[in-house]
Each structure stands twice: as C-alpha cells, then as structure tokens.
Amino acid sequence: MTRVCRSFTAPVWVSEFGTCNDWSYWAFNGTESTGASRAFGSAETYGVLDTQWSSPARASLLQALQARQRVVQTP
C-alpha cells in the first residue's frame, strides 16, 4: 500500500464530546435531535450553525472561533 502525503491537509475530528471554550466545540449542527430533555428540530444551544444549517448561528461565535485559527502555512 502506498501512502500519499499532501500539503495543506489536516485530520478531521468528529465526535460526541467537546466544550464550548477550549480546544473543541460542541456542536457543529444547528438543530437538536431527540432525547430526554431535547426536542427534535429545536435550535442547538451550542450549535455553530443556524437552524437552517446554512449560516453561523452567531457572528460573535464565528469571530471567536476564527480568532483561534492560526495560519501556520500558506499555499
């Protein structure tokens, strides 16, 4: 098996845990699923996306997340 390394790639981490103020963010989705205290389709309190899943939920959250992204290499 040949392994190919490409410039400017990074792993994608998908998980069911995180935090809203450190190295990961809960959750990306804009709406809730079903659960004990959840209503299907309701706005996700910590969601990055809006309820249509097409735009950021809050501009301030997007700005805070973008500020954490540091450019270490450019094409």
PDB file of N, CA and C in Angstrom:
ATOM      1  N   MET A   1       0.831  -1.172   0.000  1.00  0.00           N
ATOM      2  CA  MET A   1       0.000   0.000   0.000  1.00  0.00           C
ATOM      3  C   MET A   1       0.879   1.239   0.000  1.00  0.00           C
ATOM      4  N   THR A   2       0.571   2.156  -0.888  1.00  0.00           N
ATOM      5  CA  THR A   2       1.318   3.407  -0.981  1.00  0.00           C
ATOM      6  C   THR A   2       0.596   4.484  -0.198  1.00  0.00           C
ATOM      7  N   ARG A   3       1.352   5.166   0.609  1.00  0.00           N
ATOM      8  CA  ARG A   3       0.780   6.253   1.402  1.00  0.00           C
ATOM      9  C   ARG A   3       1.158   7.579   0.768  1.00  0.00           C
ATOM     10  N   VAL A   4       0.182   8.435   0.536  1.00  0.00           N
ATOM     11  CA  VAL A   4       0.421   9.719  -0.106  1.00  0.00           C
ATOM     12  C   VAL A   4       0.201  10.832   0.912  1.00  0.00           C
ATOM     13  N   CYS A   5       1.195  11.677   1.067  1.00  0.00           N
ATOM     14  CA  CYS A   5       1.058  12.850   1.936  1.00  0.00           C
ATOM     15  C   CYS A   5       0.844  14.060   1.045  1.00  0.00           C
ATOM     16  N   ARG A   6      -0.116  14.854   1.380  1.00  0.00           N
ATOM     17  CA  ARG A   6      -0.415  16.051   0.592  1.00  0.00           C
ATOM     18  C   ARG A   6      -0.209  17.287   1.468  1.00  0.00           C
ATOM     19  N   SER A   7       0.271  18.323   0.838  1.00  0.00           N
ATOM     20  CA  SER A   7       0.442  19.580   1.556  1.00  0.00           C
ATOM     21  C   SER A   7      -0.907  20.168   1.926  1.00  0.00           C
ATOM     22  N   PHE A   8      -0.958  20.858   3.029  1.00  0.00           N
ATOM     23  CA  PHE A   8      -2.118  21.609   3.465  1.00  0.00           C
ATOM     24  C   PHE A   8      -3.332  20.732   3.777  1.00  0.00           C
ATOM     25  N   THR A   9      -3.103  19.573   4.339  1.00  0.00           N
ATOM     26  CA  THR A   9      -4.212  18.731   4.769  1.00  0.00           C
ATOM     27  C   THR A   9      -4.161  18.586   6.285  1.00  0.00           C
ATOM     28  N   ALA A  10      -5.276  18.233   6.856  1.00  0.00           N
ATOM     29  CA  ALA A  10      -5.345  18.057   8.306  1.00  0.00           C
ATOM     30  C   ALA A  10      -6.386  16.991   8.619  1.00  0.00           C
ATOM     31  N   PRO A  11      -6.252  16.324   9.732  1.00  0.00           N
ATOM     32  CA  PRO A  11      -7.278  15.343  10.101  1.00  0.00           C
ATOM     33  C   PRO A  11      -8.576  16.047  10.484  1.00  0.00           C
ATOM     34  N   VAL A  12      -9.666  15.353  10.334  1.00  0.00           N
ATOM     35  CA  VAL A  12     -10.967  15.868  10.743  1.00  0.00           C
ATOM     36  C   VAL A  12     -11.413  15.037  11.934  1.00  0.00           C
ATOM     37  N   TRP A  13     -11.734  15.704  13.013  1.00  0.00           N
ATOM     38  CA  TRP A  13     -12.154  15.011  14.230  1.00  0.00           C
ATOM     39  C   TRP A  13     -13.653  15.191  14.376  1.00  0.00           C
ATOM     40  N   VAL A  14     -14.374  14.079  14.382  1.00  0.00           N
ATOM     41  CA  VAL A  14     -15.819  14.100  14.552  1.00  0.00           C
ATOM     42  C   VAL A  14     -16.122  13.283  15.792  1.00  0.00           C
ATOM     43  N   SER A  15     -16.822  13.869  16.730  1.00  0.00           N
ATOM     44  CA  SER A  15     -17.035  13.184  17.989  1.00  0.00           C
ATOM     45  C   SER A  15     -18.312  13.648  18.652  1.00  0.00           C
ATOM     46  N   GLU A  16     -18.639  13.020  19.735  1.00  0.00           N
ATOM     47  CA  GLU A  16     -19.811  13.361  20.528  1.00  0.00           C
ATOM     48  C   GLU A  16     -19.431  13.965  21.869  1.00  0.00           C
ATOM     49  N   PHE A  17     -18.293  14.604  21.962  1.00  0.00           N
ATOM     50  CA  PHE A  17     -17.967  15.322  23.183  1.00  0.00           C
ATOM     51  C   PHE A  17     -17.131  16.534  22.822  1.00  0.00           C
ATOM     52  N   GLY A  18     -17.133  17.488  23.677  1.00  0.00           N
ATOM     53  CA  GLY A  18     -16.380  18.703  23.427  1.00  0.00           C
ATOM     54  C   GLY A  18     -16.698  19.725  24.494  1.00  0.00           C
ATOM     55  N   THR A  19     -16.302  20.924  24.241  1.00  0.00           N
ATOM     56  CA  THR A  19     -16.529  22.010  25.174  1.00  0.00           C
ATOM     57  C   THR A  19     -16.718  23.293  24.379  1.00  0.00           C
ATOM     58  N   CYS A  20     -17.339  24.257  24.956  1.00  0.00           N
ATOM     59  CA  CYS A  20     -17.609  25.487  24.202  1.00  0.00           C
ATOM     60  C   CYS A  20     -16.544  26.558  24.415  1.00  0.00           C
ATOM     61  N   ASN A  21     -15.443  26.234  25.109  1.00  0.00           N
ATOM     62  CA  ASN A  21     -14.480  27.307  25.358  1.00  0.00           C
ATOM     63  C   ASN A  21     -13.021  26.866  25.323  1.00  0.00           C
ATOM     64  N   ASP A  22     -12.685  25.743  24.692  1.00  0.00           N
ATOM     65  CA  ASP A  22     -11.277  25.318  24.713  1.00  0.00           C
ATOM     66  C   ASP A  22     -10.850  24.802  23.351  1.00  0.00           C
ATOM     67  N   TRP A  23     -10.462  23.554  23.261  1.00  0.00           N
ATOM     68  CA  TRP A  23      -9.853  23.017  22.044  1.00  0.00           C
ATOM     69  C   TRP A  23     -10.832  22.337  21.093  1.00  0.00           C
ATOM     70  N   SER A  24     -12.058  22.255  21.453  1.00  0.00           N
ATOM     71  CA  SER A  24     -13.076  21.696  20.573  1.00  0.00           C
ATOM     72  C   SER A  24     -14.375  22.437  20.827  1.00  0.00           C
ATOM     73  N   TYR A  25     -15.349  22.191  19.984  1.00  0.00           N
ATOM     74  CA  TYR A  25     -16.603  22.913  20.163  1.00  0.00           C
ATOM     75  C   TYR A  25     -17.782  21.968  20.026  1.00  0.00           C
ATOM     76  N   TRP A  26     -18.695  22.051  20.933  1.00  0.00           N
ATOM     77  CA  TRP A  26     -19.921  21.269  20.892  1.00  0.00           C
ATOM     78  C   TRP A  26     -21.032  22.211  20.518  1.00  0.00           C
ATOM     79  N   ALA A  27     -21.732  22.025  19.599  1.00  0.00           N
ATOM     80  CA  ALA A  27     -21.731  21.091  18.489  1.00  0.00           C
ATOM     81  C   ALA A  27     -21.771  21.893  17.203  1.00  0.00           C
ATOM     82  N   PHE A  28     -21.490  21.258  16.093  1.00  0.00           N
ATOM     83  CA  PHE A  28     -21.493  21.962  14.819  1.00  0.00           C
ATOM     84  C   PHE A  28     -22.914  22.154  14.296  1.00  0.00           C
ATOM     85  N   ASN A  29     -23.758  21.168  14.531  1.00  0.00           N
ATOM     86  CA  ASN A  29     -25.120  21.194  13.993  1.00  0.00           C
ATOM     87  C   ASN A  29     -25.951  22.348  14.552  1.00  0.00           C
ATOM     88  N   GLY A  30     -26.954  22.727  13.789  1.00  0.00           N
ATOM     89  CA  GLY A  30     -27.795  23.859  14.180  1.00  0.00           C
ATOM     90  C   GLY A  30     -29.078  23.478  14.885  1.00  0.00           C
ATOM     91  N   THR A  31     -29.436  22.196  14.842  1.00  0.00           N
ATOM     92  CA  THR A  31     -30.671  21.750  15.485  1.00  0.00           C
ATOM     93  C   THR A  31     -30.425  20.538  16.372  1.00  0.00           C
ATOM     94  N   GLU A  32     -31.330  20.349  17.322  1.00  0.00           N
ATOM     95  CA  GLU A  32     -31.220  19.222  18.251  1.00  0.00           C
ATOM     96  C   GLU A  32     -31.823  17.957  17.645  1.00  0.00           C
ATOM     97  N   SER A  33     -31.365  16.819  18.173  1.00  0.00           N
ATOM     98  CA  SER A  33     -32.026  15.557  17.868  1.00  0.00           C
ATOM     99  C   SER A  33     -32.945  15.243  19.048  1.00  0.00           C
ATOM    100  N   THR A  34     -33.543  14.081  19.058  1.00  0.00           N
ATOM    101  CA  THR A  34     -34.424  13.728  20.173  1.00  0.00           C
ATOM    102  C   THR A  34     -33.605  13.294  21.384  1.00  0.00           C
ATOM    103  N   GLY A  35     -34.198  13.383  22.550  1.00  0.00           N
ATOM    104  CA  GLY A  35     -33.542  12.974  23.784  1.00  0.00           C
ATOM    105  C   GLY A  35     -34.403  13.319  24.974  1.00  0.00           C
ATOM    106  N   ALA A  36     -33.917  12.997  26.159  1.00  0.00           N
ATOM    107  CA  ALA A  36     -34.691  13.201  27.383  1.00  0.00           C
ATOM    108  C   ALA A  36     -35.124  14.654  27.576  1.00  0.00           C
ATOM    109  N   SER A  37     -34.230  15.576  27.317  1.00  0.00           N
ATOM    110  CA  SER A  37     -34.583  16.990  27.522  1.00  0.00           C
ATOM    111  C   SER A  37     -34.445  17.785  26.228  1.00  0.00           C
ATOM    112  N   ARG A  38     -34.551  17.095  25.098  1.00  0.00           N
ATOM    113  CA  ARG A  38     -34.347  17.741  23.807  1.00  0.00           C
ATOM    114  C   ARG A  38     -35.587  17.589  22.930  1.00  0.00           C
ATOM    115  N   ALA A  39     -35.801  18.534  22.051  1.00  0.00           N
ATOM    116  CA  ALA A  39     -36.925  18.479  21.117  1.00  0.00           C
ATOM    117  C   ALA A  39     -36.371  18.490  19.697  1.00  0.00           C
ATOM    118  N   PHE A  40     -36.690  17.475  18.937  1.00  0.00           N
ATOM    119  CA  PHE A  40     -36.194  17.350  17.570  1.00  0.00           C
ATOM    120  C   PHE A  40     -36.466  18.621  16.773  1.00  0.00           C
ATOM    121  N   GLY A  41     -35.422  19.164  16.154  1.00  0.00           N
ATOM    122  CA  GLY A  41     -35.565  20.349  15.319  1.00  0.00           C
ATOM    123  C   GLY A  41     -35.407  21.672  16.029  1.00  0.00           C
ATOM    124  N   SER A  42     -35.360  21.657  17.367  1.00  0.00           N
ATOM    125  CA  SER A  42     -35.149  22.902  18.112  1.00  0.00           C
ATOM    126  C   SER A  42     -33.719  23.400  17.895  1.00  0.00           C
ATOM    127  N   ALA A  43     -33.514  24.674  18.103  1.00  0.00           N
ATOM    128  CA  ALA A  43     -32.176  25.237  17.947  1.00  0.00           C
ATOM    129  C   ALA A  43     -31.217  24.605  18.942  1.00  0.00           C
ATOM    130  N   GLU A  44     -30.039  24.211  18.458  1.00  0.00           N
ATOM    131  CA  GLU A  44     -28.987  23.661  19.318  1.00  0.00           C
ATOM    132  C   GLU A  44     -28.345  24.832  20.062  1.00  0.00           C
ATOM    133  N   THR A  45     -28.384  24.804  21.370  1.00  0.00           N
ATOM    134  CA  THR A  45     -27.869  25.899  22.194  1.00  0.00           C
ATOM    135  C   THR A  45     -26.413  26.232  21.889  1.00  0.00           C
ATOM    136  N   TYR A  46     -25.590  25.208  21.733  1.00  0.00           N
ATOM    137  CA  TYR A  46     -24.167  25.420  21.477  1.00  0.00           C
ATOM    138  C   TYR A  46     -23.803  25.230  20.015  1.00  0.00           C
ATOM    139  N   GLY A  47     -24.789  25.182  19.122  1.00  0.00           N
ATOM    140  CA  GLY A  47     -24.524  24.929  17.709  1.00  0.00           C
ATOM    141  C   GLY A  47     -23.762  26.050  17.032  1.00  0.00           C
ATOM    142  N   VAL A  48     -22.847  25.677  16.154  1.00  0.00           N
ATOM    143  CA  VAL A  48     -22.106  26.649  15.361  1.00  0.00           C
ATOM    144  C   VAL A  48     -22.992  27.191  14.238  1.00  0.00           C
ATOM    145  N   LEU A  49     -23.828  26.305  13.664  1.00  0.00           N
ATOM    146  CA  LEU A  49     -24.693  26.710  12.558  1.00  0.00           C
ATOM    147  C   LEU A  49     -26.064  27.137  13.045  1.00  0.00           C
ATOM    148  N   ASP A  50     -26.769  27.885  12.182  1.00  0.00           N
ATOM    149  CA  ASP A  50     -28.142  28.271  12.497  1.00  0.00           C
ATOM    150  C   ASP A  50     -29.075  27.081  12.270  1.00  0.00           C
ATOM    151  N   THR A  51     -30.346  27.257  12.512  1.00  0.00           N
ATOM    152  CA  THR A  51     -31.292  26.146  12.410  1.00  0.00           C
ATOM    153  C   THR A  51     -31.505  25.672  10.974  1.00  0.00           C
ATOM    154  N   GLN A  52     -31.094  26.450   9.998  1.00  0.00           N
ATOM    155  CA  GLN A  52     -31.166  26.032   8.591  1.00  0.00           C
ATOM    156  C   GLN A  52     -29.882  25.318   8.154  1.00  0.00           C
ATOM    157  N   TRP A  53     -28.876  25.310   9.021  1.00  0.00           N
ATOM    158  CA  TRP A  53     -27.565  24.699   8.760  1.00  0.00           C
ATOM    159  C   TRP A  53     -26.864  25.368   7.576  1.00  0.00           C
ATOM    160  N   SER A  54     -27.108  26.653   7.373  1.00  0.00           N
ATOM    161  CA  SER A  54     -26.552  27.331   6.200  1.00  0.00           C
ATOM    162  C   SER A  54     -25.687  28.539   6.534  1.00  0.00           C
ATOM    163  N   SER A  55     -25.756  29.022   7.761  1.00  0.00           N
ATOM    164  CA  SER A  55     -25.009  30.211   8.185  1.00  0.00           C
ATOM    165  C   SER A  55     -24.601  30.047   9.644  1.00  0.00           C
ATOM    166  N   PRO A  56     -23.633  30.835  10.085  1.00  0.00           N
ATOM    167  CA  PRO A  56     -23.263  30.786  11.505  1.00  0.00           C
ATOM    168  C   PRO A  56     -24.451  31.185  12.388  1.00  0.00           C
ATOM    169  N   ALA A  57     -24.562  30.558  13.536  1.00  0.00           N
ATOM    170  CA  ALA A  57     -25.651  30.869  14.470  1.00  0.00           C
ATOM    171  C   ALA A  57     -25.484  32.267  15.046  1.00  0.00           C
ATOM    172  N   ARG A  58     -24.257  32.631  15.366  1.00  0.00           N
ATOM    173  CA  ARG A  58     -23.970  33.949  15.944  1.00  0.00           C
ATOM    174  C   ARG A  58     -22.657  34.473  15.363  1.00  0.00           C
ATOM    175  N   ALA A  59     -22.653  35.708  14.930  1.00  0.00           N
ATOM    176  CA  ALA A  59     -21.444  36.313  14.373  1.00  0.00           C
ATOM    177  C   ALA A  59     -20.328  36.344  15.412  1.00  0.00           C
ATOM    178  N   SER A  60     -20.676  36.590  16.669  1.00  0.00           N
ATOM    179  CA  SER A  60     -19.654  36.659  17.725  1.00  0.00           C
ATOM    180  C   SER A  60     -18.969  35.308  17.924  1.00  0.00           C
ATOM    181  N   LEU A  61     -19.721  34.223  17.804  1.00  0.00           N
ATOM    182  CA  LEU A  61     -19.135  32.886  17.926  1.00  0.00           C
ATOM    183  C   LEU A  61     -18.192  32.618  16.762  1.00  0.00           C
ATOM    184  N   LEU A  62     -18.615  32.948  15.555  1.00  0.00           N
ATOM    185  CA  LEU A  62     -17.762  32.757  14.383  1.00  0.00           C
ATOM    186  C   LEU A  62     -16.463  33.543  14.526  1.00  0.00           C
ATOM    187  N   GLN A  63     -16.543  34.772  14.979  1.00  0.00           N
ATOM    188  CA  GLN A  63     -15.345  35.598  15.161  1.00  0.00           C
ATOM    189  C   GLN A  63     -14.421  34.992  16.209  1.00  0.00           C
ATOM    190  N   ALA A  64     -14.983  34.477  17.296  1.00  0.00           N
ATOM    191  CA  ALA A  64     -14.168  33.864  18.343  1.00  0.00           C
ATOM    192  C   ALA A  64     -13.462  32.612  17.836  1.00  0.00           C
ATOM    193  N   LEU A  65     -14.165  31.794  17.060  1.00  0.00           N
ATOM    194  CA  LEU A  65     -13.547  30.585  16.511  1.00  0.00           C
ATOM    195  C   LEU A  65     -12.484  30.925  15.474  1.00  0.00           C
ATOM    196  N   GLN A  66     -12.748  31.926  14.643  1.00  0.00           N
ATOM    197  CA  GLN A  66     -11.763  32.336  13.644  1.00  0.00           C
ATOM    198  C   GLN A  66     -10.512  32.905  14.298  1.00  0.00           C
ATOM    199  N   ALA A  67     -10.668  33.575  15.419  1.00  0.00           N
ATOM    200  CA  ALA A  67      -9.508  34.142  16.124  1.00  0.00           C
ATOM    201  C   ALA A  67      -8.592  33.046  16.645  1.00  0.00           C
ATOM    202  N   ARG A  68      -9.151  31.859  16.914  1.00  0.00           N
ATOM    203  CA  ARG A  68      -8.352  30.736  17.396  1.00  0.00           C
ATOM    204  C   ARG A  68      -7.588  30.032  16.285  1.00  0.00           C
ATOM    205  N   GLN A  69      -7.990  30.257  15.039  1.00  0.00           N
ATOM    206  CA  GLN A  69      -7.314  29.618  13.916  1.00  0.00           C
ATOM    207  C   GLN A  69      -6.067  30.408  13.584  1.00  0.00           C
ATOM    208  N   ARG A  70      -4.957  29.742  13.641  1.00  0.00           N
ATOM    209  CA  ARG A  70      -3.696  30.410  13.363  1.00  0.00           C
ATOM    210  C   ARG A  70      -3.149  29.872  12.050  1.00  0.00           C
ATOM    211  N   VAL A  71      -2.809  30.754  11.129  1.00  0.00           N
ATOM    212  CA  VAL A  71      -2.213  30.343   9.863  1.00  0.00           C
ATOM    213  C   VAL A  71      -0.764  29.967  10.126  1.00  0.00           C
ATOM    214  N   VAL A  72      -0.430  28.709   9.828  1.00  0.00           N
ATOM    215  CA  VAL A  72       0.945  28.253  10.037  1.00  0.00           C
ATOM    216  C   VAL A  72       1.673  28.017   8.723  1.00  0.00           C
ATOM    217  N   GLN A  73       0.905  27.943   7.637  1.00  0.00           N
ATOM    218  CA  GLN A  73       1.493  27.726   6.332  1.00  0.00           C
ATOM    219  C   GLN A  73       0.504  28.170   5.269  1.00  0.00           C
ATOM    220  N   THR A  74       0.980  28.743   4.225  1.00  0.00           N
ATOM    221  CA  THR A  74       0.087  29.170   3.154  1.00  0.00           C
ATOM    222  C   THR A  74       0.470  28.457   1.864  1.00  0.00           C
ATOM    223  N   PRO A  75      -0.473  28.345   0.930  1.00  0.00           N
ATOM    224  CA  PRO A  75      -0.155  27.675  -0.347  1.00  0.00           C
ATOM    225  C   PRO A  75       0.871  28.431  -1.161  1.00  0.00           C
TER     226      PRO A  75
END
